[in-house]
C-alpha atoms as a PDB file:
ATOM      1  CA  MET A   1     100.803 139.821 101.755  1.00  0.00           C
ATOM      2  CA  ILE A   2     104.325 140.461 100.997  1.00  0.00           C
ATOM      3  CA  GLN A   3     104.183 142.692 104.520  1.00  0.00           C
ATOM      4  CA  VAL A   4     102.276 140.040 106.288  1.00  0.00           C
ATOM      5  CA  THR A   5     104.780 137.594 104.780  1.00  0.00           C
ATOM      6  CA  GLN A   6     107.311 139.537 106.172  1.00  0.00           C
ATOM      7  CA  TRP A   7     106.005 140.191 109.581  1.00  0.00           C
ATOM      8  CA  ILE A   8     105.283 136.968 110.002  1.00  0.00           C
ATOM      9  CA  SER A   9     108.634 135.599 109.378  1.00  0.00           C
ATOM     10  CA  VAL A  10     110.362 138.612 111.750  1.00  0.00           C
ATOM     11  CA  LEU A  11     107.489 137.640 114.639  1.00  0.00           C
ATOM     12  CA  ALA A  12     107.399 133.314 113.918  1.00  0.00           C
ATOM     13  CA  ILE A  13     110.776 132.385 116.430  1.00  0.00           C
ATOM     14  CA  PRO A  14     110.096 135.323 119.197  1.00  0.00           C
ATOM     15  CA  VAL A  15     106.612 134.709 119.569  1.00  0.00           C
ATOM     16  CA  PHE A  16     107.381 130.015 118.956  1.00  0.00           C
ATOM     17  CA  ILE A  17     110.433 130.612 122.263  1.00  0.00           C
ATOM     18  CA  ILE A  18     108.257 132.784 124.305  1.00  0.00           C
ATOM     19  CA  PHE A  19     105.373 130.311 124.108  1.00  0.00           C
ATOM     20  CA  VAL A  20     107.102 127.129 125.042  1.00  0.00           C
ATOM     21  CA  LEU A  21     108.383 129.216 128.584  1.00  0.00           C
ATOM     22  CA  GLY A  22     105.124 130.133 128.974  1.00  0.00           C
ATOM     23  CA  TYR A  23     103.869 126.940 128.053  1.00  0.00           C
ATOM     24  CA  GLY A  24     106.589 125.080 130.082  1.00  0.00           C
ATOM     25  CA  ALA A  25     105.748 127.667 133.330  1.00  0.00           C
ATOM     26  CA  VAL A  26     102.470 127.043 133.622  1.00  0.00           C
ATOM     27  CA  LYS A  27     102.857 123.325 133.559  1.00  0.00           C
ATOM     28  CA  GLY A  28     105.500 123.516 135.941  1.00  0.00           C
ATOM     29  CA  VAL A  29     108.426 122.401 134.272  1.00  0.00           C
ATOM     30  CA  PRO A  30     111.308 123.568 134.963  1.00  0.00           C
ATOM     31  CA  VAL A  31     112.590 124.690 131.676  1.00  0.00           C
ATOM     32  CA  TYR A  32     116.123 125.680 131.845  1.00  0.00           C
ATOM     33  CA  GLU A  33     117.019 122.648 134.050  1.00  0.00           C
ATOM     34  CA  THR A  34     115.507 121.131 130.869  1.00  0.00           C
ATOM     35  CA  PHE A  35     116.825 122.596 128.060  1.00  0.00           C
ATOM     36  CA  VAL A  36     120.207 122.094 129.288  1.00  0.00           C
ATOM     37  CA  GLU A  37     119.900 118.259 130.117  1.00  0.00           C
ATOM     38  CA  GLY A  38     118.767 118.100 126.017  1.00  0.00           C
ATOM     39  CA  ALA A  39     121.994 120.251 125.790  1.00  0.00           C
ATOM     40  CA  GLY A  40     124.357 117.562 127.540  1.00  0.00           C
ATOM     41  CA  GLU A  41     122.283 114.833 125.794  1.00  0.00           C
ATOM     42  CA  GLY A  42     122.871 116.136 122.523  1.00  0.00           C
ATOM     43  CA  ILE A  43     126.437 116.510 123.092  1.00  0.00           C
ATOM     44  CA  ARG A  44     126.525 112.813 124.162  1.00  0.00           C
ATOM     45  CA  THR A  45     124.697 111.769 121.282  1.00  0.00           C
ATOM     46  CA  ALA A  46     127.116 113.797 118.710  1.00  0.00           C
ATOM     47  CA  PHE A  47     130.340 111.995 119.979  1.00  0.00           C
ATOM     48  CA  HIS A  48     128.213 108.849 119.824  1.00  0.00           C
ATOM     49  CA  ILE A  49     127.799 109.150 115.848  1.00  0.00           C
ATOM     50  CA  LEU A  50     130.468 110.976 115.099  1.00  0.00           C
ATOM     51  CA  PRO A  51     132.169 107.395 113.932  1.00  0.00           C
ATOM     52  CA  TYR A  52     129.544 106.955 111.589  1.00  0.00           C
ATOM     53  CA  LEU A  53     129.732 110.772 109.914  1.00  0.00           C
ATOM     54  CA  VAL A  54     133.248 109.525 109.072  1.00  0.00           C
ATOM     55  CA  ALA A  55     132.956 107.077 108.031  1.00  0.00           C
ATOM     56  CA  MET A  56     130.547 108.531 105.258  1.00  0.00           C
ATOM     57  CA  PHE A  57     132.512 111.284 104.300  1.00  0.00           C
ATOM     58  CA  VAL A  58     135.011 108.987 103.393  1.00  0.00           C
ATOM     59  CA  ALA A  59     132.809 106.950 101.853  1.00  0.00           C
ATOM     60  CA  ILE A  60     131.287 109.403  99.433  1.00  0.00           C
ATOM     61  CA  GLY A  61     134.888 110.841  99.137  1.00  0.00           C
ATOM     62  CA  VAL A  62     135.933 107.544  97.506  1.00  0.00           C
ATOM     63  CA  PHE A  63     133.049 107.592  95.462  1.00  0.00           C
ATOM     64  CA  ARG A  64     133.677 110.964  93.418  1.00  0.00           C
ATOM     65  CA  ALA A  65     136.604 110.636  93.147  1.00  0.00           C
ATOM     66  CA  SER A  66     137.181 107.746  92.073  1.00  0.00           C
ATOM     67  CA  GLY A  67     134.929 108.585  89.024  1.00  0.00           C
ATOM     68  CA  ALA A  68     132.289 106.051  90.085  1.00  0.00           C
ATOM     69  CA  MET A  69     129.419 108.501  90.001  1.00  0.00           C
ATOM     70  CA  ASP A  70     130.657 109.617  86.311  1.00  0.00           C
ATOM     71  CA  PHE A  71     130.300 106.557  84.662  1.00  0.00           C
ATOM     72  CA  LEU A  72     126.954 105.454  86.814  1.00  0.00           C
ATOM     73  CA  ILE A  73     125.527 109.218  85.287  1.00  0.00           C
ATOM     74  CA  ARG A  74     126.951 108.067  82.574  1.00  0.00           C
ATOM     75  CA  ILE A  75     125.356 104.494  82.237  1.00  0.00           C
ATOM     76  CA  LEU A  76     121.705 106.293  83.638  1.00  0.00           C
ATOM     77  CA  SER A  77     121.643 109.412  80.729  1.00  0.00           C
ATOM     78  CA  PRO A  78     119.950 107.516  78.330  1.00  0.00           C
ATOM     79  CA  VAL A  79     116.635 105.895  80.683  1.00  0.00           C
ATOM     80  CA  THR A  80     116.837 109.869  82.323  1.00  0.00           C
ATOM     81  CA  ASN A  81     117.026 111.687  78.559  1.00  0.00           C
ATOM     82  CA  LEU A  82     113.403 109.404  78.228  1.00  0.00           C
ATOM     83  CA  ALA A  83     111.765 109.943  81.578  1.00  0.00           C
ATOM     84  CA  GLY A  84     112.990 114.407  80.622  1.00  0.00           C
ATOM     85  CA  ILE A  85     115.507 114.469  83.585  1.00  0.00           C
ATOM     86  CA  PRO A  86     117.803 117.172  82.495  1.00  0.00           C
ATOM     87  CA  PRO A  87     121.363 115.842  82.504  1.00  0.00           C
ATOM     88  CA  GLU A  88     123.353 118.974  83.986  1.00  0.00           C
ATOM     89  CA  ILE A  89     121.063 117.390  87.737  1.00  0.00           C
ATOM     90  CA  LEU A  90     121.671 113.944  87.368  1.00  0.00           C
ATOM     91  CA  PRO A  91     124.837 114.937  89.927  1.00  0.00           C
ATOM     92  CA  LEU A  92     123.051 116.311  92.276  1.00  0.00           C
ATOM     93  CA  ALA A  93     120.273 113.664  92.331  1.00  0.00           C
ATOM     94  CA  MET A  94     123.149 111.108  92.522  1.00  0.00           C
ATOM     95  CA  MET A  95     124.658 112.874  95.713  1.00  0.00           C
ATOM     96  CA  ARG A  96     121.658 113.699  97.481  1.00  0.00           C
ATOM     97  CA  PRO A  97     120.840 110.534  98.795  1.00  0.00           C
ATOM     98  CA  MET A  98     124.396 110.559 100.128  1.00  0.00           C
ATOM     99  CA  SER A  99     125.332 114.080 101.839  1.00  0.00           C
ATOM    100  CA  GLY A 100     123.491 117.028 102.412  1.00  0.00           C
ATOM    101  CA  SER A 101     126.536 119.322 102.096  1.00  0.00           C
ATOM    102  CA  ALA A 102     127.758 117.894  99.189  1.00  0.00           C
ATOM    103  CA  SER A 103     124.447 118.232  97.368  1.00  0.00           C
ATOM    104  CA  ALA A 104     124.341 121.511  98.708  1.00  0.00           C
ATOM    105  CA  GLY A 105     127.263 122.849  97.070  1.00  0.00           C
ATOM    106  CA  MET A 106     126.254 120.943  93.528  1.00  0.00           C
ATOM    107  CA  LEU A 107     122.790 123.244  94.006  1.00  0.00           C
ATOM    108  CA  ALA A 108     125.180 126.171  94.537  1.00  0.00           C
ATOM    109  CA  GLU A 109     127.396 125.373  91.833  1.00  0.00           C
ATOM    110  CA  LEU A 110     124.218 124.773  89.156  1.00  0.00           C
ATOM    111  CA  PHE A 111     123.012 128.447  90.603  1.00  0.00           C
ATOM    112  CA  ARG A 112     126.621 129.764  89.373  1.00  0.00           C
ATOM    113  CA  THR A 113     126.353 127.854  85.928  1.00  0.00           C
ATOM    114  CA  TYR A 114     122.198 127.846  85.267  1.00  0.00           C
ATOM    115  CA  GLY A 115     120.284 130.344  87.502  1.00  0.00           C
ATOM    116  CA  PRO A 116     118.601 129.776  90.071  1.00  0.00           C
ATOM    117  CA  ASP A 117     115.090 130.676  88.157  1.00  0.00           C
ATOM    118  CA  THR A 118     115.612 128.616  84.952  1.00  0.00           C
ATOM    119  CA  PHE A 119     114.514 124.938  84.563  1.00  0.00           C
ATOM    120  CA  ILE A 120     117.566 123.062  85.720  1.00  0.00           C
ATOM    121  CA  GLY A 121     118.028 125.586  88.321  1.00  0.00           C
ATOM    122  CA  ARG A 122     113.467 125.456  89.421  1.00  0.00           C
ATOM    123  CA  SER A 123     114.068 121.467  89.370  1.00  0.00           C
ATOM    124  CA  ALA A 124     116.624 120.567  91.287  1.00  0.00           C
ATOM    125  CA  SER A 125     115.921 123.580  94.578  1.00  0.00           C
ATOM    126  CA  THR A 126     112.350 121.237  94.442  1.00  0.00           C
ATOM    127  CA  MET A 127     113.868 118.261  94.045  1.00  0.00           C
ATOM    128  CA  MET A 128     116.536 119.439  96.974  1.00  0.00           C
ATOM    129  CA  GLY A 129     113.507 120.227  99.124  1.00  0.00           C
ATOM    130  CA  SER A 130     111.744 116.617  98.210  1.00  0.00           C
ATOM    131  CA  THR A 131     114.041 114.153  98.220  1.00  0.00           C
ATOM    132  CA  GLU A 132     116.056 113.392 101.376  1.00  0.00           C
ATOM    133  CA  THR A 133     120.425 111.878 102.708  1.00  0.00           C
ATOM    134  CA  VAL A 134     119.059 108.349 102.414  1.00  0.00           C
ATOM    135  CA  PHE A 135     122.715 106.948 103.411  1.00  0.00           C
ATOM    136  CA  TYR A 136     123.538 109.811 105.776  1.00  0.00           C
ATOM    137  CA  THR A 137     120.483 109.241 108.091  1.00  0.00           C
ATOM    138  CA  ILE A 138     120.549 105.537 107.720  1.00  0.00           C
ATOM    139  CA  SER A 139     124.345 105.247 108.709  1.00  0.00           C
ATOM    140  CA  VAL A 140     123.393 108.138 111.187  1.00  0.00           C
ATOM    141  CA  TYR A 141     120.203 107.758 112.827  1.00  0.00           C
ATOM    142  CA  PHE A 142     120.410 103.853 113.410  1.00  0.00           C
ATOM    143  CA  GLY A 143     124.279 103.447 113.642  1.00  0.00           C
ATOM    144  CA  SER A 144     123.640 105.350 117.115  1.00  0.00           C
ATOM    145  CA  VAL A 145     121.375 103.223 118.421  1.00  0.00           C
ATOM    146  CA  GLY A 146     122.315  99.958 117.216  1.00  0.00           C
ATOM    147  CA  ILE A 147     120.251  99.446 114.898  1.00  0.00           C
ATOM    148  CA  LYS A 148     122.034  96.962 112.582  1.00  0.00           C
ATOM    149  CA  LYS A 149     119.168  95.443 110.276  1.00  0.00           C
ATOM    150  CA  THR A 150     117.718  98.172 108.136  1.00  0.00           C
ATOM    151  CA  ARG A 151     115.862  95.476 106.352  1.00  0.00           C
ATOM    152  CA  TYR A 152     113.341  97.467 103.567  1.00  0.00           C
ATOM    153  CA  VAL A 153     114.759 100.833 104.624  1.00  0.00           C
ATOM    154  CA  LEU A 154     117.248 101.743 102.303  1.00  0.00           C
ATOM    155  CA  ALA A 155     115.524 100.403  99.368  1.00  0.00           C
ATOM    156  CA  ALA A 156     111.884 102.841 100.823  1.00  0.00           C
ATOM    157  CA  GLY A 157     114.144 105.605 101.041  1.00  0.00           C
ATOM    158  CA  LEU A 158     115.611 105.478  97.592  1.00  0.00           C
ATOM    159  CA  LEU A 159     112.915 104.555  96.347  1.00  0.00           C
ATOM    160  CA  ALA A 160     111.364 107.635  98.004  1.00  0.00           C
ATOM    161  CA  ASP A 161     114.046 109.914  96.672  1.00  0.00           C
ATOM    162  CA  LEU A 162     113.367 108.652  92.969  1.00  0.00           C
ATOM    163  CA  ALA A 163     110.152 109.738  93.202  1.00  0.00           C
ATOM    164  CA  GLY A 164     111.053 112.895  95.161  1.00  0.00           C
ATOM    165  CA  LEU A 165     113.045 113.579  91.104  1.00  0.00           C
ATOM    166  CA  LEU A 166     110.168 112.799  88.554  1.00  0.00           C
ATOM    167  CA  ALA A 167     107.934 115.024  90.929  1.00  0.00           C
ATOM    168  CA  SER A 168     110.657 117.952  90.961  1.00  0.00           C
ATOM    169  CA  VAL A 169     111.036 117.892  87.038  1.00  0.00           C
ATOM    170  CA  ALA A 170     107.238 117.066  86.568  1.00  0.00           C
ATOM    171  CA  ILE A 171     105.793 119.645  88.438  1.00  0.00           C
ATOM    172  CA  CYS A 172     108.342 121.990  88.061  1.00  0.00           C
ATOM    173  CA  GLY A 173     107.640 121.479  84.199  1.00  0.00           C
ATOM    174  CA  LEU A 174     103.445 121.591  84.137  1.00  0.00           C
ATOM    175  CA  ILE A 175     104.393 124.997  86.260  1.00  0.00           C
ATOM    176  CA  PHE A 176     107.137 126.967  84.677  1.00  0.00           C
ATOM    177  CA  GLY A 177     107.627 124.949  81.905  1.00  0.00           C
ATOM    178  CA  ARG A 178     111.270 124.161  80.179  1.00  0.00           C
END
């Protein structure tokens, strides 16, 4: 089974590329020209969202440097302890909605400190795959198309992240034990 998985991993991308090129050729799509046009649009989009990215990274830096994150974690610790959430993953849970790269760095630090095969490492890994960078996504995607009124998007995104955190800890507890 492992060898089959390895072969699928090796062949997946080349087969996909050949399929897309073949499908485009059959449909009469100028594949190369379409690719170049899409790449140009991607570059324009990147320049358009750059101010939103800078603002988001500055806000994250201020949040962490001010001590607000540590203060918020101290306030939430009694509640999260009752829910069975390890306090070690709370900084990661707080940073995940804001920044994917900062939370990836925190995950790496958790791995160095506790190991990837511990309950903390497994719960943190599962949480990373089960949650989203809500603030980043809202600021970049909504900002790039000029949407100002996001209505319930933030609340729904944060609620989904909370569900991802709770489910990660519960499922890892069931599958791997504490």
